[in-house]
Amino acid sequence: MLHSLCVVFLSSDAWQVSNITNRGYLGPELTLSTFGPLLKPKSQNLKATLLALFLNATHEEESYALSIIASLQSSKDRICKYLTVTQEMFSRGGASNADSIRFIEASAMFRDFDEPFRRYMEHCRFGEISGANGLRMKEKNSIVRSWPLRLRQKATREEFNVLHASGHHGSERYVEWERAI
């Protein structure tokens, strides 16, 4: 589901628009203006929801290289709880050996994606375009967690391994909108 580009009709009261809301596809403004009017008004259904997935938003808001360096510095102790790290793994073949790549990729799972997503919402004018389309972003999601693939603070090694093997980093963000009235 996370890598699909589709619009899924869940019911007459909920629309899941996958990742077409990313700027590389329709973008937030066109998605909200197209699908927002399809939601029932609050007078007919208090739970009518437009559900959107943002796969690339956080990556569009920051330099990948700088974010890797920052996450390595801030999370090295936490990463070491899940990966065996030795001096040898970084000296053997430099940054292109498998152990180094695995470590660098895993570090992305410990990044703070809240701030880049906040900047994304600001740049895309979420508040303005929501209001212009008679919608508002829900403060708390009701269908799916905002960051469903974020590694929990006290995740087990198995949870870490599953997320790491999936190719996801926890940057995948769901946003739910509802009619303002």
C-alpha atoms as a PDB file:
ATOM      1  CA  MET A   1       0.000   0.000   0.000  1.00  0.00           C
ATOM      2  CA  LEU A   2       2.766   2.487   0.792  1.00  0.00           C
ATOM      3  CA  HIS A   3       4.250   2.556  -2.706  1.00  0.00           C
ATOM      4  CA  SER A   4       1.077   2.632  -4.724  1.00  0.00           C
ATOM      5  CA  LEU A   5      -0.111   5.566  -6.757  1.00  0.00           C
ATOM      6  CA  CYS A   6      -3.858   5.297  -6.646  1.00  0.00           C
ATOM      7  CA  VAL A   7      -7.055   6.665  -5.264  1.00  0.00           C
ATOM      8  CA  VAL A   8      -9.056   4.210  -3.238  1.00  0.00           C
ATOM      9  CA  PHE A   9     -12.700   4.749  -2.487  1.00  0.00           C
ATOM     10  CA  LEU A  10     -13.195   3.394   1.042  1.00  0.00           C
ATOM     11  CA  SER A  11     -16.845   4.384   1.421  1.00  0.00           C
ATOM     12  CA  SER A  12     -19.060   7.343   0.724  1.00  0.00           C
ATOM     13  CA  ASP A  13     -17.598   8.816   3.888  1.00  0.00           C
ATOM     14  CA  ALA A  14     -13.854   8.200   3.515  1.00  0.00           C
ATOM     15  CA  TRP A  15     -11.337   8.539   0.705  1.00  0.00           C
ATOM     16  CA  GLN A  16      -7.789   7.199   0.749  1.00  0.00           C
ATOM     17  CA  VAL A  17      -5.746   9.008  -1.881  1.00  0.00           C
ATOM     18  CA  SER A  18      -2.459   7.185  -1.329  1.00  0.00           C
ATOM     19  CA  ASN A  19       0.593   9.293  -2.161  1.00  0.00           C
ATOM     20  CA  ILE A  20      -0.855  11.429  -4.974  1.00  0.00           C
ATOM     21  CA  THR A  21      -0.764  14.279  -2.471  1.00  0.00           C
ATOM     22  CA  ASN A  22       3.042  14.414  -2.791  1.00  0.00           C
ATOM     23  CA  ARG A  23       4.278  17.409  -4.805  1.00  0.00           C
ATOM     24  CA  GLY A  24       5.729  15.032  -7.428  1.00  0.00           C
ATOM     25  CA  TYR A  25       2.180  13.945  -8.340  1.00  0.00           C
ATOM     26  CA  LEU A  26      -0.951  16.079  -7.859  1.00  0.00           C
ATOM     27  CA  GLY A  27       0.282  17.874  -4.760  1.00  0.00           C
ATOM     28  CA  PRO A  28      -1.707  18.916  -1.700  1.00  0.00           C
ATOM     29  CA  GLU A  29      -3.631  21.802  -3.269  1.00  0.00           C
ATOM     30  CA  LEU A  30      -5.013  19.919  -6.272  1.00  0.00           C
ATOM     31  CA  THR A  31      -5.722  16.805  -4.196  1.00  0.00           C
ATOM     32  CA  LEU A  32      -7.714  18.755  -1.607  1.00  0.00           C
ATOM     33  CA  SER A  33      -9.634  20.737  -4.223  1.00  0.00           C
ATOM     34  CA  THR A  34     -10.464  17.542  -6.148  1.00  0.00           C
ATOM     35  CA  PHE A  35     -11.345  15.147  -3.335  1.00  0.00           C
ATOM     36  CA  GLY A  36     -12.378  17.478  -0.507  1.00  0.00           C
ATOM     37  CA  PRO A  37     -15.792  18.224  -2.029  1.00  0.00           C
ATOM     38  CA  LEU A  38     -16.504  14.470  -2.160  1.00  0.00           C
ATOM     39  CA  LEU A  39     -16.531  14.239   1.647  1.00  0.00           C
ATOM     40  CA  LYS A  40     -19.907  14.378   3.315  1.00  0.00           C
ATOM     41  CA  PRO A  41     -20.494  17.475   5.431  1.00  0.00           C
ATOM     42  CA  LYS A  42     -20.306  17.119   9.222  1.00  0.00           C
ATOM     43  CA  SER A  43     -24.102  17.411   9.419  1.00  0.00           C
ATOM     44  CA  GLN A  44     -24.329  14.091   7.530  1.00  0.00           C
ATOM     45  CA  ASN A  45     -21.282  12.295   8.970  1.00  0.00           C
ATOM     46  CA  LEU A  46     -18.964  13.524  11.703  1.00  0.00           C
ATOM     47  CA  LYS A  47     -16.338  10.959  10.706  1.00  0.00           C
ATOM     48  CA  ALA A  48     -16.042  11.625   6.953  1.00  0.00           C
ATOM     49  CA  THR A  49     -12.300  11.672   6.230  1.00  0.00           C
ATOM     50  CA  LEU A  50      -9.814  12.234   3.415  1.00  0.00           C
ATOM     51  CA  LEU A  51      -6.690  10.170   4.121  1.00  0.00           C
ATOM     52  CA  ALA A  52      -3.424  11.059   2.375  1.00  0.00           C
ATOM     53  CA  LEU A  53       0.023   9.484   2.480  1.00  0.00           C
ATOM     54  CA  PHE A  54       3.166  11.590   2.164  1.00  0.00           C
ATOM     55  CA  LEU A  55       6.125   9.402   1.198  1.00  0.00           C
ATOM     56  CA  ASN A  56       8.570  12.074   0.055  1.00  0.00           C
ATOM     57  CA  ALA A  57       7.647  15.204   2.016  1.00  0.00           C
ATOM     58  CA  THR A  58      10.357  15.016   4.666  1.00  0.00           C
ATOM     59  CA  HIS A  59      13.033  14.202   2.094  1.00  0.00           C
ATOM     60  CA  GLU A  60      12.032  17.182  -0.023  1.00  0.00           C
ATOM     61  CA  GLU A  61      12.570  19.511   2.917  1.00  0.00           C
ATOM     62  CA  GLU A  62      16.130  18.640   3.861  1.00  0.00           C
ATOM     63  CA  SER A  63      19.477  17.754   2.415  1.00  0.00           C
ATOM     64  CA  TYR A  64      19.881  13.983   2.479  1.00  0.00           C
ATOM     65  CA  ALA A  65      23.630  14.164   3.184  1.00  0.00           C
ATOM     66  CA  LEU A  66      23.212  16.645   6.036  1.00  0.00           C
ATOM     67  CA  SER A  67      20.373  14.637   7.550  1.00  0.00           C
ATOM     68  CA  ILE A  68      22.507  11.459   7.513  1.00  0.00           C
ATOM     69  CA  ILE A  69      25.334  13.211   9.327  1.00  0.00           C
ATOM     70  CA  ALA A  70      22.962  14.715  11.884  1.00  0.00           C
ATOM     71  CA  SER A  71      21.212  11.392  12.514  1.00  0.00           C
ATOM     72  CA  LEU A  72      24.519   9.559  12.882  1.00  0.00           C
ATOM     73  CA  GLN A  73      25.711  12.033  15.480  1.00  0.00           C
ATOM     74  CA  SER A  74      22.499  12.191  17.460  1.00  0.00           C
ATOM     75  CA  SER A  75      21.555   8.511  17.406  1.00  0.00           C
ATOM     76  CA  LYS A  76      24.783   6.524  17.356  1.00  0.00           C
ATOM     77  CA  ASP A  77      24.174   5.091  20.842  1.00  0.00           C
ATOM     78  CA  ARG A  78      20.647   4.040  19.954  1.00  0.00           C
ATOM     79  CA  ILE A  79      21.765   2.483  16.644  1.00  0.00           C
ATOM     80  CA  CYS A  80      24.374   0.432  18.503  1.00  0.00           C
ATOM     81  CA  LYS A  81      21.580  -1.229  20.494  1.00  0.00           C
ATOM     82  CA  TYR A  82      20.376  -2.819  17.253  1.00  0.00           C
ATOM     83  CA  LEU A  83      23.498  -3.208  15.129  1.00  0.00           C
ATOM     84  CA  THR A  84      26.892  -4.563  16.055  1.00  0.00           C
ATOM     85  CA  VAL A  85      29.317  -1.795  15.236  1.00  0.00           C
ATOM     86  CA  THR A  86      33.070  -2.244  15.018  1.00  0.00           C
ATOM     87  CA  GLN A  87      35.894  -0.011  13.885  1.00  0.00           C
ATOM     88  CA  GLU A  88      36.790  -2.650  11.291  1.00  0.00           C
ATOM     89  CA  MET A  89      33.443  -2.379   9.498  1.00  0.00           C
ATOM     90  CA  PHE A  90      34.186   1.230   8.530  1.00  0.00           C
ATOM     91  CA  SER A  91      37.796   0.718   7.537  1.00  0.00           C
ATOM     92  CA  ARG A  92      37.102  -2.249   5.263  1.00  0.00           C
ATOM     93  CA  GLY A  93      36.246  -0.774   1.860  1.00  0.00           C
ATOM     94  CA  GLY A  94      35.326   2.659   3.195  1.00  0.00           C
ATOM     95  CA  ALA A  95      31.765   3.888   3.001  1.00  0.00           C
ATOM     96  CA  SER A  96      30.884   1.488   0.184  1.00  0.00           C
ATOM     97  CA  ASN A  97      31.147  -1.783   2.112  1.00  0.00           C
ATOM     98  CA  ALA A  98      27.939  -3.565   3.068  1.00  0.00           C
ATOM     99  CA  ASP A  99      28.294  -3.014   6.822  1.00  0.00           C
ATOM    100  CA  SER A 100      28.829   0.729   6.388  1.00  0.00           C
ATOM    101  CA  ILE A 101      25.871   1.024   4.032  1.00  0.00           C
ATOM    102  CA  ARG A 102      23.663  -0.932   6.430  1.00  0.00           C
ATOM    103  CA  PHE A 103      24.701   1.336   9.302  1.00  0.00           C
ATOM    104  CA  ILE A 104      24.092   4.535   7.322  1.00  0.00           C
ATOM    105  CA  GLU A 105      20.710   3.297   6.063  1.00  0.00           C
ATOM    106  CA  ALA A 106      19.689   2.258   9.584  1.00  0.00           C
ATOM    107  CA  SER A 107      20.587   5.691  10.932  1.00  0.00           C
ATOM    108  CA  ALA A 108      17.722   7.185   8.914  1.00  0.00           C
ATOM    109  CA  MET A 109      15.289   5.227  11.090  1.00  0.00           C
ATOM    110  CA  PHE A 110      16.335   7.336  14.078  1.00  0.00           C
ATOM    111  CA  ARG A 111      15.884  10.753  12.501  1.00  0.00           C
ATOM    112  CA  ASP A 112      13.355  13.268  13.729  1.00  0.00           C
ATOM    113  CA  PHE A 113      10.965  13.784  10.821  1.00  0.00           C
ATOM    114  CA  ASP A 114       8.556  16.096  12.648  1.00  0.00           C
ATOM    115  CA  GLU A 115      10.437  19.303  11.866  1.00  0.00           C
ATOM    116  CA  PRO A 116      10.953  18.598   8.136  1.00  0.00           C
ATOM    117  CA  PHE A 117       7.258  17.709   7.822  1.00  0.00           C
ATOM    118  CA  ARG A 118       6.255  20.891   9.662  1.00  0.00           C
ATOM    119  CA  ARG A 119       8.321  22.889   7.147  1.00  0.00           C
ATOM    120  CA  TYR A 120       6.706  20.937   4.295  1.00  0.00           C
ATOM    121  CA  MET A 121       3.229  21.812   5.567  1.00  0.00           C
ATOM    122  CA  GLU A 122       4.269  25.447   5.842  1.00  0.00           C
ATOM    123  CA  HIS A 123       5.753  25.559   2.323  1.00  0.00           C
ATOM    124  CA  CYS A 124       2.671  23.886   0.875  1.00  0.00           C
ATOM    125  CA  ARG A 125       0.370  26.185   2.881  1.00  0.00           C
ATOM    126  CA  PHE A 126      -1.677  23.354   4.402  1.00  0.00           C
ATOM    127  CA  GLY A 127      -3.718  25.715   6.586  1.00  0.00           C
ATOM    128  CA  GLU A 128      -4.538  28.050   3.720  1.00  0.00           C
ATOM    129  CA  ILE A 129      -5.406  25.393   1.125  1.00  0.00           C
ATOM    130  CA  SER A 130      -7.405  23.375   3.663  1.00  0.00           C
ATOM    131  CA  GLY A 131      -9.524  26.393   4.548  1.00  0.00           C
ATOM    132  CA  ALA A 132      -9.947  27.396   0.897  1.00  0.00           C
ATOM    133  CA  ASN A 133     -11.429  23.947   0.242  1.00  0.00           C
ATOM    134  CA  GLY A 134     -13.699  23.883   3.296  1.00  0.00           C
ATOM    135  CA  LEU A 135     -11.475  21.373   5.069  1.00  0.00           C
ATOM    136  CA  ARG A 136      -9.295  21.197   8.117  1.00  0.00           C
ATOM    137  CA  MET A 137      -6.480  18.861   8.987  1.00  0.00           C
ATOM    138  CA  LYS A 138      -7.395  16.627  11.903  1.00  0.00           C
ATOM    139  CA  GLU A 139      -5.294  17.270  14.989  1.00  0.00           C
ATOM    140  CA  LYS A 140      -5.242  13.543  15.747  1.00  0.00           C
ATOM    141  CA  ASN A 141      -5.669  10.903  13.073  1.00  0.00           C
ATOM    142  CA  SER A 142      -8.576   8.506  13.535  1.00  0.00           C
ATOM    143  CA  ILE A 143      -7.901   5.931  10.789  1.00  0.00           C
ATOM    144  CA  VAL A 144      -4.134   5.369  10.831  1.00  0.00           C
ATOM    145  CA  ARG A 145      -1.321   6.709  13.017  1.00  0.00           C
ATOM    146  CA  SER A 146       0.409   9.796  11.638  1.00  0.00           C
ATOM    147  CA  TRP A 147       3.796   8.037  11.549  1.00  0.00           C
ATOM    148  CA  PRO A 148       2.882   4.318  11.316  1.00  0.00           C
ATOM    149  CA  LEU A 149       6.396   3.133  10.428  1.00  0.00           C
ATOM    150  CA  ARG A 150       8.307   5.199  12.959  1.00  0.00           C
ATOM    151  CA  LEU A 151      10.514   3.002  15.110  1.00  0.00           C
ATOM    152  CA  ARG A 152       9.238   3.045  18.672  1.00  0.00           C
ATOM    153  CA  GLN A 153      11.571   4.439  21.338  1.00  0.00           C
ATOM    154  CA  LYS A 154      11.982   1.030  23.003  1.00  0.00           C
ATOM    155  CA  ALA A 155      11.602  -1.144  19.925  1.00  0.00           C
ATOM    156  CA  THR A 156      12.843  -4.701  20.051  1.00  0.00           C
ATOM    157  CA  ARG A 157      15.654  -5.894  17.822  1.00  0.00           C
ATOM    158  CA  GLU A 158      13.070  -7.876  15.846  1.00  0.00           C
ATOM    159  CA  GLU A 159      10.971  -4.739  15.245  1.00  0.00           C
ATOM    160  CA  PHE A 160      14.115  -2.916  14.139  1.00  0.00           C
ATOM    161  CA  ASN A 161      15.077  -5.754  11.758  1.00  0.00           C
ATOM    162  CA  VAL A 162      11.604  -5.891  10.193  1.00  0.00           C
ATOM    163  CA  LEU A 163      11.499  -2.131   9.593  1.00  0.00           C
ATOM    164  CA  HIS A 164      15.080  -2.057   8.323  1.00  0.00           C
ATOM    165  CA  ALA A 165      14.425  -4.933   5.907  1.00  0.00           C
ATOM    166  CA  SER A 166      11.272  -3.218   4.614  1.00  0.00           C
ATOM    167  CA  GLY A 167      13.229  -0.326   3.120  1.00  0.00           C
ATOM    168  CA  HIS A 168      11.151   2.210   5.047  1.00  0.00           C
ATOM    169  CA  HIS A 169      12.691   4.722   7.421  1.00  0.00           C
ATOM    170  CA  GLY A 170       9.711   5.937   9.408  1.00  0.00           C
ATOM    171  CA  SER A 171       9.405   9.105   7.325  1.00  0.00           C
ATOM    172  CA  GLU A 172       6.090   7.996   5.842  1.00  0.00           C
ATOM    173  CA  ARG A 173       3.432  10.416   7.136  1.00  0.00           C
ATOM    174  CA  TYR A 174      -0.357  10.110   6.965  1.00  0.00           C
ATOM    175  CA  VAL A 175      -2.572  13.167   7.185  1.00  0.00           C
ATOM    176  CA  GLU A 176      -6.317  13.115   7.631  1.00  0.00           C
ATOM    177  CA  TRP A 177      -8.626  15.943   6.630  1.00  0.00           C
ATOM    178  CA  GLU A 178     -12.263  16.479   7.499  1.00  0.00           C
ATOM    179  CA  ARG A 179     -14.877  18.998   6.420  1.00  0.00           C
ATOM    180  CA  ALA A 180     -14.619  22.212   8.420  1.00  0.00           C
ATOM    181  CA  ILE A 181     -18.412  22.375   8.747  1.00  0.00           C
END
